[in-house]
Amino acid sequence: MEKNNLGNVVTIAVTSTLCVVVISMVGAMLIGLFDNDISNDKIFEAITPAFQTIIGGFIGLITGIKLGHDDNDN
């Protein structure tokens, strides 16, 4: 597999994984928000750090792939 195609495949895999993770976290948050047994403050305390870590990690990975791809083109 050519290096150009490998970067595209990895970018698509990371992006699709990020979409699945974000959709599932939003779904979990919505379920928790409408559950009467769970305090809404506790939901945000639990999900916010995990959400920020996952989003930051994936965005960093996609940016690193893009920067590496641009360096190889020059």
N, C-alpha and C. Protein backbone atom coordinates (compact mmCIF):
# COMPACT_ATOMS: atom_id res chain seq x y z
N MET A 1 0.84 -1.18 0.00
CA MET A 1 0.00 0.00 0.00
C MET A 1 0.88 1.24 0.00
N GLU A 2 0.57 2.15 -0.83
CA GLU A 2 1.31 3.39 -0.95
C GLU A 2 1.15 4.23 0.31
N LYS A 3 2.17 5.01 0.63
CA LYS A 3 2.15 5.82 1.85
C LYS A 3 1.00 6.83 1.83
N ASN A 4 0.68 7.36 0.66
CA ASN A 4 -0.43 8.30 0.52
C ASN A 4 -1.75 7.63 0.90
N ASN A 5 -1.96 6.43 0.40
CA ASN A 5 -3.20 5.70 0.69
C ASN A 5 -3.27 5.29 2.16
N LEU A 6 -2.14 4.94 2.74
CA LEU A 6 -2.12 4.54 4.15
C LEU A 6 -2.57 5.70 5.04
N GLY A 7 -2.10 6.90 4.75
CA GLY A 7 -2.52 8.07 5.51
C GLY A 7 -4.01 8.32 5.38
N ASN A 8 -4.55 8.13 4.19
CA ASN A 8 -5.99 8.31 3.98
C ASN A 8 -6.80 7.26 4.71
N VAL A 9 -6.34 6.01 4.68
CA VAL A 9 -7.05 4.92 5.36
C VAL A 9 -7.06 5.15 6.86
N VAL A 10 -5.91 5.53 7.42
CA VAL A 10 -5.83 5.78 8.86
C VAL A 10 -6.70 6.98 9.25
N THR A 11 -6.68 8.03 8.44
CA THR A 11 -7.50 9.20 8.72
C THR A 11 -8.98 8.85 8.72
N ILE A 12 -9.42 8.07 7.75
CA ILE A 12 -10.82 7.67 7.67
C ILE A 12 -11.19 6.77 8.86
N ALA A 13 -10.30 5.85 9.23
CA ALA A 13 -10.56 4.96 10.37
C ALA A 13 -10.67 5.75 11.67
N VAL A 14 -9.76 6.68 11.87
CA VAL A 14 -9.77 7.50 13.10
C VAL A 14 -11.01 8.39 13.13
N THR A 15 -11.35 8.98 12.00
CA THR A 15 -12.51 9.87 11.95
C THR A 15 -13.80 9.11 12.20
N SER A 16 -13.94 7.93 11.60
CA SER A 16 -15.16 7.14 11.82
C SER A 16 -15.24 6.65 13.26
N THR A 17 -14.12 6.28 13.84
CA THR A 17 -14.11 5.87 15.25
C THR A 17 -14.48 7.03 16.16
N LEU A 18 -13.96 8.21 15.84
CA LEU A 18 -14.30 9.40 16.62
C LEU A 18 -15.79 9.68 16.53
N CYS A 19 -16.38 9.54 15.36
CA CYS A 19 -17.83 9.77 15.21
C CYS A 19 -18.63 8.79 16.05
N VAL A 20 -18.24 7.53 16.05
CA VAL A 20 -18.95 6.52 16.84
C VAL A 20 -18.85 6.82 18.33
N VAL A 21 -17.67 7.20 18.78
CA VAL A 21 -17.46 7.50 20.20
C VAL A 21 -18.28 8.73 20.61
N VAL A 22 -18.27 9.77 19.79
CA VAL A 22 -19.02 10.98 20.13
C VAL A 22 -20.52 10.69 20.17
N ILE A 23 -21.02 9.96 19.19
CA ILE A 23 -22.45 9.63 19.17
C ILE A 23 -22.84 8.80 20.38
N SER A 24 -22.01 7.81 20.75
CA SER A 24 -22.35 6.99 21.91
C SER A 24 -22.26 7.77 23.21
N MET A 25 -21.30 8.70 23.33
CA MET A 25 -21.20 9.50 24.55
C MET A 25 -22.38 10.47 24.66
N VAL A 26 -22.80 11.04 23.55
CA VAL A 26 -23.96 11.93 23.57
C VAL A 26 -25.21 11.13 23.92
N GLY A 27 -25.33 9.92 23.39
CA GLY A 27 -26.46 9.06 23.73
C GLY A 27 -26.49 8.72 25.20
N ALA A 28 -25.33 8.39 25.76
CA ALA A 28 -25.26 8.08 27.19
C ALA A 28 -25.62 9.29 28.03
N MET A 29 -25.18 10.47 27.60
CA MET A 29 -25.51 11.68 28.33
C MET A 29 -27.01 11.97 28.27
N LEU A 30 -27.61 11.79 27.11
CA LEU A 30 -29.05 12.04 26.99
C LEU A 30 -29.87 11.06 27.81
N ILE A 31 -29.46 9.80 27.82
CA ILE A 31 -30.16 8.81 28.64
C ILE A 31 -30.06 9.19 30.12
N GLY A 32 -28.87 9.60 30.54
CA GLY A 32 -28.67 10.00 31.92
C GLY A 32 -29.42 11.27 32.30
N LEU A 33 -29.52 12.20 31.36
CA LEU A 33 -30.22 13.45 31.65
C LEU A 33 -31.70 13.23 31.89
N PHE A 34 -32.29 12.29 31.19
CA PHE A 34 -33.72 12.06 31.32
C PHE A 34 -34.08 10.96 32.31
N ASP A 35 -33.08 10.41 33.01
CA ASP A 35 -33.33 9.42 34.05
C ASP A 35 -33.57 10.15 35.37
N ASN A 36 -34.68 9.86 36.00
CA ASN A 36 -35.03 10.57 37.24
C ASN A 36 -34.16 10.16 38.43
N ASP A 37 -33.52 9.00 38.37
CA ASP A 37 -32.73 8.51 39.50
C ASP A 37 -31.31 9.09 39.54
N ILE A 38 -30.90 9.74 38.46
CA ILE A 38 -29.52 10.23 38.36
C ILE A 38 -29.53 11.76 38.39
N SER A 39 -28.64 12.33 39.21
CA SER A 39 -28.50 13.78 39.28
C SER A 39 -27.80 14.30 38.03
N ASN A 40 -28.31 15.36 37.45
CA ASN A 40 -27.73 15.91 36.22
C ASN A 40 -26.31 16.43 36.43
N ASP A 41 -26.01 16.94 37.62
CA ASP A 41 -24.67 17.43 37.91
C ASP A 41 -23.64 16.30 37.86
N LYS A 42 -24.02 15.12 38.31
CA LYS A 42 -23.10 13.97 38.32
C LYS A 42 -22.79 13.50 36.90
N ILE A 43 -23.73 13.65 35.99
CA ILE A 43 -23.50 13.24 34.60
C ILE A 43 -22.40 14.07 33.99
N PHE A 44 -22.48 15.38 34.16
CA PHE A 44 -21.47 16.26 33.58
C PHE A 44 -20.11 16.07 34.25
N GLU A 45 -20.10 15.79 35.54
CA GLU A 45 -18.83 15.51 36.23
C GLU A 45 -18.17 14.27 35.67
N ALA A 46 -18.93 13.27 35.31
CA ALA A 46 -18.38 12.01 34.83
C ALA A 46 -17.99 12.06 33.36
N ILE A 47 -18.80 12.69 32.55
CA ILE A 47 -18.60 12.61 31.10
C ILE A 47 -17.64 13.68 30.59
N THR A 48 -17.61 14.86 31.18
CA THR A 48 -16.80 15.97 30.64
C THR A 48 -15.32 15.64 30.52
N PRO A 49 -14.64 15.13 31.55
CA PRO A 49 -13.21 14.83 31.37
C PRO A 49 -12.95 13.73 30.33
N ALA A 50 -13.79 12.72 30.32
CA ALA A 50 -13.61 11.65 29.33
C ALA A 50 -13.84 12.17 27.92
N PHE A 51 -14.85 13.00 27.76
CA PHE A 51 -15.17 13.57 26.46
C PHE A 51 -14.01 14.43 25.95
N GLN A 52 -13.47 15.28 26.81
CA GLN A 52 -12.35 16.15 26.42
C GLN A 52 -11.11 15.34 26.08
N THR A 53 -10.83 14.29 26.84
CA THR A 53 -9.66 13.47 26.58
C THR A 53 -9.77 12.74 25.25
N ILE A 54 -10.92 12.15 25.00
CA ILE A 54 -11.11 11.41 23.76
C ILE A 54 -11.05 12.33 22.55
N ILE A 55 -11.76 13.44 22.61
CA ILE A 55 -11.77 14.39 21.50
C ILE A 55 -10.36 14.93 21.26
N GLY A 56 -9.68 15.33 22.31
CA GLY A 56 -8.33 15.87 22.17
C GLY A 56 -7.35 14.87 21.59
N GLY A 57 -7.45 13.62 22.04
CA GLY A 57 -6.56 12.59 21.51
C GLY A 57 -6.77 12.32 20.03
N PHE A 58 -8.02 12.20 19.64
CA PHE A 58 -8.31 11.94 18.24
C PHE A 58 -7.96 13.13 17.35
N ILE A 59 -8.25 14.33 17.79
CA ILE A 59 -7.91 15.52 17.01
C ILE A 59 -6.39 15.63 16.87
N GLY A 60 -5.67 15.34 17.94
CA GLY A 60 -4.20 15.34 17.87
C GLY A 60 -3.68 14.30 16.90
N LEU A 61 -4.29 13.12 16.89
CA LEU A 61 -3.86 12.07 15.97
C LEU A 61 -4.13 12.46 14.52
N ILE A 62 -5.30 13.01 14.25
CA ILE A 62 -5.62 13.43 12.89
C ILE A 62 -4.69 14.56 12.44
N THR A 63 -4.41 15.50 13.34
CA THR A 63 -3.50 16.60 13.02
C THR A 63 -2.10 16.08 12.75
N GLY A 64 -1.63 15.13 13.57
CA GLY A 64 -0.31 14.55 13.35
C GLY A 64 -0.20 13.83 12.02
N ILE A 65 -1.23 13.13 11.64
CA ILE A 65 -1.23 12.44 10.34
C ILE A 65 -1.18 13.47 9.22
N LYS A 66 -1.97 14.53 9.35
CA LYS A 66 -2.01 15.58 8.32
C LYS A 66 -0.66 16.27 8.21
N LEU A 67 -0.04 16.61 9.34
CA LEU A 67 1.26 17.27 9.31
C LEU A 67 2.33 16.35 8.73
N GLY A 68 2.29 15.08 9.11
CA GLY A 68 3.24 14.11 8.55
C GLY A 68 3.05 13.94 7.06
N HIS A 69 1.83 13.95 6.63
CA HIS A 69 1.50 13.80 5.21
C HIS A 69 2.01 15.01 4.43
N ASP A 70 1.85 16.22 4.99
CA ASP A 70 2.32 17.43 4.33
C ASP A 70 3.83 17.48 4.25
N ASP A 71 4.53 17.00 5.28
CA ASP A 71 5.99 16.97 5.26
C ASP A 71 6.53 16.04 4.19
N ASN A 72 5.85 14.93 3.96
CA ASN A 72 6.30 13.98 2.95
C ASN A 72 6.07 14.49 1.54
N ASP A 73 5.09 15.36 1.35
CA ASP A 73 4.82 15.89 0.02
C ASP A 73 5.87 16.88 -0.42
N ASN A 74 6.51 17.58 0.52
CA ASN A 74 7.51 18.62 0.16
C ASN A 74 8.82 18.04 -0.15
